[in-house]
Amino acid sequence: MSEPLVSVIVPVKDEELYLEQALRSVVEQSYPHIEPIVIDGDSADRSREIARSFEGVRCLTQSGTGLAGAWN
């Protein structure tokens, strides 16, 4: 039986100062079956660009919903 896939959901809204460190922490885990997903709540900074710079990270953008919408 293969090991299960673990999705790590990272909701963001203008978090460019912390996002790279957070995603690096996720992708450097020793467990090999991780699916990082960034939900961007319409950031005005470089959050989307940072998320998309990581190989294997899915980045979904919600228009006009802010951080609360990204959490949901």
PDB file of N, CA and C in Angstrom:
ATOM      1  N   MET A   1       0.843  -1.177   0.000  1.00  0.00           N
ATOM      2  CA  MET A   1       0.000   0.000   0.000  1.00  0.00           C
ATOM      3  C   MET A   1       0.891   1.245   0.000  1.00  0.00           C
ATOM      4  N   SER A   2       0.600   2.181  -0.881  1.00  0.00           N
ATOM      5  CA  SER A   2       1.410   3.401  -0.943  1.00  0.00           C
ATOM      6  C   SER A   2       0.993   4.369   0.164  1.00  0.00           C
ATOM      7  N   GLU A   3       1.894   5.258   0.467  1.00  0.00           N
ATOM      8  CA  GLU A   3       1.620   6.245   1.510  1.00  0.00           C
ATOM      9  C   GLU A   3       0.648   7.286   0.987  1.00  0.00           C
ATOM     10  N   PRO A   4      -0.239   7.810   1.839  1.00  0.00           N
ATOM     11  CA  PRO A   4      -1.242   8.772   1.383  1.00  0.00           C
ATOM     12  C   PRO A   4      -0.631  10.130   1.036  1.00  0.00           C
ATOM     13  N   LEU A   5      -1.309  10.821   0.130  1.00  0.00           N
ATOM     14  CA  LEU A   5      -0.930  12.178  -0.241  1.00  0.00           C
ATOM     15  C   LEU A   5      -1.452  13.129   0.831  1.00  0.00           C
ATOM     16  N   VAL A   6      -0.600  14.039   1.274  1.00  0.00           N
ATOM     17  CA  VAL A   6      -0.982  15.041   2.270  1.00  0.00           C
ATOM     18  C   VAL A   6      -1.000  16.399   1.590  1.00  0.00           C
ATOM     19  N   SER A   7      -2.164  17.050   1.604  1.00  0.00           N
ATOM     20  CA  SER A   7      -2.279  18.395   1.048  1.00  0.00           C
ATOM     21  C   SER A   7      -2.002  19.409   2.149  1.00  0.00           C
ATOM     22  N   VAL A   8      -1.115  20.336   1.869  1.00  0.00           N
ATOM     23  CA  VAL A   8      -0.799  21.407   2.813  1.00  0.00           C
ATOM     24  C   VAL A   8      -1.332  22.693   2.193  1.00  0.00           C
ATOM     25  N   ILE A   9      -2.385  23.242   2.800  1.00  0.00           N
ATOM     26  CA  ILE A   9      -3.037  24.429   2.272  1.00  0.00           C
ATOM     27  C   ILE A   9      -2.512  25.656   3.005  1.00  0.00           C
ATOM     28  N   VAL A  10      -2.014  26.629   2.227  1.00  0.00           N
ATOM     29  CA  VAL A  10      -1.431  27.850   2.781  1.00  0.00           C
ATOM     30  C   VAL A  10      -2.255  29.043   2.272  1.00  0.00           C
ATOM     31  N   PRO A  11      -3.186  29.573   3.105  1.00  0.00           N
ATOM     32  CA  PRO A  11      -3.934  30.754   2.686  1.00  0.00           C
ATOM     33  C   PRO A  11      -3.082  32.008   2.892  1.00  0.00           C
ATOM     34  N   VAL A  12      -3.066  32.900   1.897  1.00  0.00           N
ATOM     35  CA  VAL A  12      -2.250  34.114   2.006  1.00  0.00           C
ATOM     36  C   VAL A  12      -3.018  35.336   1.509  1.00  0.00           C
ATOM     37  N   LYS A  13      -2.645  36.456   2.031  1.00  0.00           N
ATOM     38  CA  LYS A  13      -3.090  37.774   1.566  1.00  0.00           C
ATOM     39  C   LYS A  13      -1.975  38.739   1.910  1.00  0.00           C
ATOM     40  N   ASP A  14      -1.189  39.139   0.906  1.00  0.00           N
ATOM     41  CA  ASP A  14      -0.071  40.064   1.101  1.00  0.00           C
ATOM     42  C   ASP A  14       0.925  39.553   2.138  1.00  0.00           C
ATOM     43  N   GLU A  15       1.414  38.346   1.927  1.00  0.00           N
ATOM     44  CA  GLU A  15       2.347  37.712   2.874  1.00  0.00           C
ATOM     45  C   GLU A  15       3.714  37.443   2.269  1.00  0.00           C
ATOM     46  N   GLU A  16       4.176  38.310   1.360  1.00  0.00           N
ATOM     47  CA  GLU A  16       5.453  38.040   0.699  1.00  0.00           C
ATOM     48  C   GLU A  16       6.627  37.946   1.673  1.00  0.00           C
ATOM     49  N   LEU A  17       6.538  38.584   2.820  1.00  0.00           N
ATOM     50  CA  LEU A  17       7.651  38.531   3.775  1.00  0.00           C
ATOM     51  C   LEU A  17       7.839  37.147   4.384  1.00  0.00           C
ATOM     52  N   TYR A  18       6.774  36.361   4.469  1.00  0.00           N
ATOM     53  CA  TYR A  18       6.837  35.069   5.159  1.00  0.00           C
ATOM     54  C   TYR A  18       6.592  33.871   4.255  1.00  0.00           C
ATOM     55  N   LEU A  19       6.053  34.093   3.064  1.00  0.00           N
ATOM     56  CA  LEU A  19       5.615  32.982   2.226  1.00  0.00           C
ATOM     57  C   LEU A  19       6.763  32.089   1.766  1.00  0.00           C
ATOM     58  N   GLU A  20       7.868  32.663   1.350  1.00  0.00           N
ATOM     59  CA  GLU A  20       8.988  31.837   0.883  1.00  0.00           C
ATOM     60  C   GLU A  20       9.477  30.901   1.979  1.00  0.00           C
ATOM     61  N   GLN A  21       9.631  31.418   3.180  1.00  0.00           N
ATOM     62  CA  GLN A  21      10.083  30.595   4.304  1.00  0.00           C
ATOM     63  C   GLN A  21       9.058  29.499   4.614  1.00  0.00           C
ATOM     64  N   ALA A  22       7.779  29.842   4.581  1.00  0.00           N
ATOM     65  CA  ALA A  22       6.732  28.854   4.868  1.00  0.00           C
ATOM     66  C   ALA A  22       6.725  27.743   3.825  1.00  0.00           C
ATOM     67  N   LEU A  23       6.794  28.116   2.539  1.00  0.00           N
ATOM     68  CA  LEU A  23       6.779  27.102   1.494  1.00  0.00           C
ATOM     69  C   LEU A  23       8.045  26.258   1.498  1.00  0.00           C
ATOM     70  N   ARG A  24       9.167  26.873   1.789  1.00  0.00           N
ATOM     71  CA  ARG A  24      10.418  26.109   1.878  1.00  0.00           C
ATOM     72  C   ARG A  24      10.301  25.056   2.991  1.00  0.00           C
ATOM     73  N   SER A  25       9.686  25.434   4.098  1.00  0.00           N
ATOM     74  CA  SER A  25       9.481  24.500   5.197  1.00  0.00           C
ATOM     75  C   SER A  25       8.599  23.330   4.765  1.00  0.00           C
ATOM     76  N   VAL A  26       7.578  23.607   3.979  1.00  0.00           N
ATOM     77  CA  VAL A  26       6.680  22.551   3.506  1.00  0.00           C
ATOM     78  C   VAL A  26       7.397  21.617   2.546  1.00  0.00           C
ATOM     79  N   VAL A  27       8.054  22.153   1.533  1.00  0.00           N
ATOM     80  CA  VAL A  27       8.655  21.300   0.499  1.00  0.00           C
ATOM     81  C   VAL A  27       9.897  20.557   0.987  1.00  0.00           C
ATOM     82  N   GLU A  28      10.499  20.986   2.075  1.00  0.00           N
ATOM     83  CA  GLU A  28      11.690  20.316   2.597  1.00  0.00           C
ATOM     84  C   GLU A  28      11.373  19.256   3.656  1.00  0.00           C
ATOM     85  N   GLN A  29      10.116  18.938   3.835  1.00  0.00           N
ATOM     86  CA  GLN A  29       9.750  17.886   4.788  1.00  0.00           C
ATOM     87  C   GLN A  29      10.277  16.542   4.310  1.00  0.00           C
ATOM     88  N   SER A  30      10.530  15.647   5.225  1.00  0.00           N
ATOM     89  CA  SER A  30      11.062  14.338   4.852  1.00  0.00           C
ATOM     90  C   SER A  30       9.983  13.425   4.270  1.00  0.00           C
ATOM     91  N   TYR A  31       8.730  13.697   4.548  1.00  0.00           N
ATOM     92  CA  TYR A  31       7.641  12.900   3.973  1.00  0.00           C
ATOM     93  C   TYR A  31       7.527  13.239   2.489  1.00  0.00           C
ATOM     94  N   PRO A  32       7.590  12.251   1.604  1.00  0.00           N
ATOM     95  CA  PRO A  32       7.701  12.544   0.175  1.00  0.00           C
ATOM     96  C   PRO A  32       6.395  12.864  -0.555  1.00  0.00           C
ATOM     97  N   HIS A  33       5.254  12.560   0.027  1.00  0.00           N
ATOM     98  CA  HIS A  33       3.981  12.704  -0.687  1.00  0.00           C
ATOM     99  C   HIS A  33       3.197  13.926  -0.188  1.00  0.00           C
ATOM    100  N   ILE A  34       3.732  15.105  -0.497  1.00  0.00           N
ATOM    101  CA  ILE A  34       3.120  16.358  -0.054  1.00  0.00           C
ATOM    102  C   ILE A  34       2.658  17.152  -1.273  1.00  0.00           C
ATOM    103  N   GLU A  35       1.454  17.707  -1.170  1.00  0.00           N
ATOM    104  CA  GLU A  35       0.882  18.540  -2.227  1.00  0.00           C
ATOM    105  C   GLU A  35       0.671  19.945  -1.640  1.00  0.00           C
ATOM    106  N   PRO A  36       1.613  20.873  -1.823  1.00  0.00           N
ATOM    107  CA  PRO A  36       1.426  22.228  -1.307  1.00  0.00           C
ATOM    108  C   PRO A  36       0.468  23.018  -2.203  1.00  0.00           C
ATOM    109  N   ILE A  37      -0.509  23.669  -1.588  1.00  0.00           N
ATOM    110  CA  ILE A  37      -1.484  24.477  -2.318  1.00  0.00           C
ATOM    111  C   ILE A  37      -1.551  25.853  -1.645  1.00  0.00           C
ATOM    112  N   VAL A  38      -1.247  26.889  -2.409  1.00  0.00           N
ATOM    113  CA  VAL A  38      -1.361  28.258  -1.908  1.00  0.00           C
ATOM    114  C   VAL A  38      -2.676  28.825  -2.422  1.00  0.00           C
ATOM    115  N   ILE A  39      -3.503  29.326  -1.506  1.00  0.00           N
ATOM    116  CA  ILE A  39      -4.748  29.998  -1.873  1.00  0.00           C
ATOM    117  C   ILE A  39      -4.515  31.480  -1.619  1.00  0.00           C
ATOM    118  N   ASP A  40      -4.421  32.233  -2.705  1.00  0.00           N
ATOM    119  CA  ASP A  40      -4.133  33.667  -2.606  1.00  0.00           C
ATOM    120  C   ASP A  40      -5.431  34.463  -2.591  1.00  0.00           C
ATOM    121  N   GLY A  41      -5.619  35.251  -1.553  1.00  0.00           N
ATOM    122  CA  GLY A  41      -6.811  36.076  -1.400  1.00  0.00           C
ATOM    123  C   GLY A  41      -6.660  37.431  -2.057  1.00  0.00           C
ATOM    124  N   ASP A  42      -6.233  37.455  -3.313  1.00  0.00           N
ATOM    125  CA  ASP A  42      -6.094  38.683  -4.102  1.00  0.00           C
ATOM    126  C   ASP A  42      -5.013  39.614  -3.535  1.00  0.00           C
ATOM    127  N   SER A  43      -3.828  39.083  -3.344  1.00  0.00           N
ATOM    128  CA  SER A  43      -2.705  39.856  -2.801  1.00  0.00           C
ATOM    129  C   SER A  43      -2.283  40.975  -3.736  1.00  0.00           C
ATOM    130  N   ALA A  44      -1.823  42.070  -3.148  1.00  0.00           N
ATOM    131  CA  ALA A  44      -1.315  43.207  -3.916  1.00  0.00           C
ATOM    132  C   ALA A  44       0.211  43.217  -3.937  1.00  0.00           C
ATOM    133  N   ASP A  45       0.827  42.228  -3.315  1.00  0.00           N
ATOM    134  CA  ASP A  45       2.296  42.158  -3.282  1.00  0.00           C
ATOM    135  C   ASP A  45       2.767  41.013  -4.185  1.00  0.00           C
ATOM    136  N   ARG A  46       3.933  40.457  -3.920  1.00  0.00           N
ATOM    137  CA  ARG A  46       4.533  39.412  -4.756  1.00  0.00           C
ATOM    138  C   ARG A  46       4.186  37.991  -4.306  1.00  0.00           C
ATOM    139  N   SER A  47       3.157  37.826  -3.500  1.00  0.00           N
ATOM    140  CA  SER A  47       2.817  36.504  -2.970  1.00  0.00           C
ATOM    141  C   SER A  47       2.597  35.470  -4.063  1.00  0.00           C
ATOM    142  N   ARG A  48       1.818  35.801  -5.093  1.00  0.00           N
ATOM    143  CA  ARG A  48       1.563  34.850  -6.184  1.00  0.00           C
ATOM    144  C   ARG A  48       2.854  34.482  -6.901  1.00  0.00           C
ATOM    145  N   GLU A  49       3.679  35.479  -7.166  1.00  0.00           N
ATOM    146  CA  GLU A  49       4.955  35.243  -7.860  1.00  0.00           C
ATOM    147  C   GLU A  49       5.849  34.310  -7.052  1.00  0.00           C
ATOM    148  N   ILE A  50       5.898  34.517  -5.760  1.00  0.00           N
ATOM    149  CA  ILE A  50       6.716  33.674  -4.883  1.00  0.00           C
ATOM    150  C   ILE A  50       6.179  32.248  -4.886  1.00  0.00           C
ATOM    151  N   ALA A  51       4.868  32.098  -4.753  1.00  0.00           N
ATOM    152  CA  ALA A  51       4.263  30.757  -4.732  1.00  0.00           C
ATOM    153  C   ALA A  51       4.537  30.016  -6.029  1.00  0.00           C
ATOM    154  N   ARG A  52       4.414  30.703  -7.141  1.00  0.00           N
ATOM    155  CA  ARG A  52       4.613  30.070  -8.444  1.00  0.00           C
ATOM    156  C   ARG A  52       6.080  29.766  -8.741  1.00  0.00           C
ATOM    157  N   SER A  53       6.990  30.345  -7.978  1.00  0.00           N
ATOM    158  CA  SER A  53       8.413  30.078  -8.192  1.00  0.00           C
ATOM    159  C   SER A  53       8.836  28.725  -7.627  1.00  0.00           C
ATOM    160  N   PHE A  54       7.999  28.110  -6.808  1.00  0.00           N
ATOM    161  CA  PHE A  54       8.308  26.806  -6.224  1.00  0.00           C
ATOM    162  C   PHE A  54       7.743  25.710  -7.116  1.00  0.00           C
ATOM    163  N   GLU A  55       8.598  24.785  -7.501  1.00  0.00           N
ATOM    164  CA  GLU A  55       8.161  23.663  -8.325  1.00  0.00           C
ATOM    165  C   GLU A  55       7.224  22.772  -7.519  1.00  0.00           C
ATOM    166  N   GLY A  56       6.117  22.391  -8.125  1.00  0.00           N
ATOM    167  CA  GLY A  56       5.177  21.474  -7.479  1.00  0.00           C
ATOM    168  C   GLY A  56       4.153  22.147  -6.581  1.00  0.00           C
ATOM    169  N   VAL A  57       4.205  23.468  -6.450  1.00  0.00           N
ATOM    170  CA  VAL A  57       3.244  24.187  -5.616  1.00  0.00           C
ATOM    171  C   VAL A  57       2.114  24.698  -6.504  1.00  0.00           C
ATOM    172  N   ARG A  58       0.889  24.320  -6.162  1.00  0.00           N
ATOM    173  CA  ARG A  58      -0.278  24.851  -6.879  1.00  0.00           C
ATOM    174  C   ARG A  58      -0.646  26.186  -6.261  1.00  0.00           C
ATOM    175  N   CYS A  59      -0.960  27.155  -7.105  1.00  0.00           N
ATOM    176  CA  CYS A  59      -1.349  28.476  -6.621  1.00  0.00           C
ATOM    177  C   CYS A  59      -2.704  28.825  -7.214  1.00  0.00           C
ATOM    178  N   LEU A  60      -3.692  28.966  -6.352  1.00  0.00           N
ATOM    179  CA  LEU A  60      -5.037  29.344  -6.763  1.00  0.00           C
ATOM    180  C   LEU A  60      -5.300  30.763  -6.289  1.00  0.00           C
ATOM    181  N   THR A  61      -5.874  31.594  -7.157  1.00  0.00           N
ATOM    182  CA  THR A  61      -6.140  32.988  -6.809  1.00  0.00           C
ATOM    183  C   THR A  61      -7.634  33.221  -6.741  1.00  0.00           C
ATOM    184  N   GLN A  62      -8.057  33.863  -5.643  1.00  0.00           N
ATOM    185  CA  GLN A  62      -9.451  34.249  -5.489  1.00  0.00           C
ATOM    186  C   GLN A  62      -9.538  35.751  -5.641  1.00  0.00           C
ATOM    187  N   SER A  63     -10.341  36.205  -6.540  1.00  0.00           N
ATOM    188  CA  SER A  63     -10.445  37.626  -6.827  1.00  0.00           C
ATOM    189  C   SER A  63     -11.370  38.339  -5.834  1.00  0.00           C
ATOM    190  N   GLY A  64     -10.808  39.310  -5.106  1.00  0.00           N
ATOM    191  CA  GLY A  64     -11.596  40.177  -4.249  1.00  0.00           C
ATOM    192  C   GLY A  64     -12.139  39.554  -2.979  1.00  0.00           C
ATOM    193  N   THR A  65     -11.631  38.397  -2.559  1.00  0.00           N
ATOM    194  CA  THR A  65     -12.185  37.754  -1.379  1.00  0.00           C
ATOM    195  C   THR A  65     -11.347  37.949  -0.126  1.00  0.00           C
ATOM    196  N   GLY A  66     -10.117  38.361  -0.268  1.00  0.00           N
ATOM    197  CA  GLY A  66      -9.255  38.614   0.886  1.00  0.00           C
ATOM    198  C   GLY A  66      -8.830  37.344   1.596  1.00  0.00           C
ATOM    199  N   LEU A  67      -8.263  37.503   2.776  1.00  0.00           N
ATOM    200  CA  LEU A  67      -7.716  36.367   3.515  1.00  0.00           C
ATOM    201  C   LEU A  67      -8.815  35.453   4.019  1.00  0.00           C
ATOM    202  N   ALA A  68      -9.928  35.991   4.469  1.00  0.00           N
ATOM    203  CA  ALA A  68     -11.022  35.150   4.970  1.00  0.00           C
ATOM    204  C   ALA A  68     -11.525  34.221   3.874  1.00  0.00           C
ATOM    205  N   GLY A  69     -11.637  34.700   2.659  1.00  0.00           N
ATOM    206  CA  GLY A  69     -12.048  33.860   1.539  1.00  0.00           C
ATOM    207  C   GLY A  69     -11.024  32.783   1.240  1.00  0.00           C
ATOM    208  N   ALA A  70      -9.751  33.110   1.382  1.00  0.00           N
ATOM    209  CA  ALA A  70      -8.696  32.105   1.170  1.00  0.00           C
ATOM    210  C   ALA A  70      -8.771  31.021   2.229  1.00  0.00           C
ATOM    211  N   TRP A  71      -9.081  31.372   3.467  1.00  0.00           N
ATOM    212  CA  TRP A  71      -9.234  30.374   4.529  1.00  0.00           C
ATOM    213  C   TRP A  71     -10.376  29.407   4.220  1.00  0.00           C
ATOM    214  N   ASN A  72     -11.457  29.977   3.728  1.00  0.00           N
ATOM    215  CA  ASN A  72     -12.637  29.136   3.449  1.00  0.00           C
ATOM    216  C   ASN A  72     -12.406  28.298   2.223  1.00  0.00           C
TER     217      ASN A  72
END
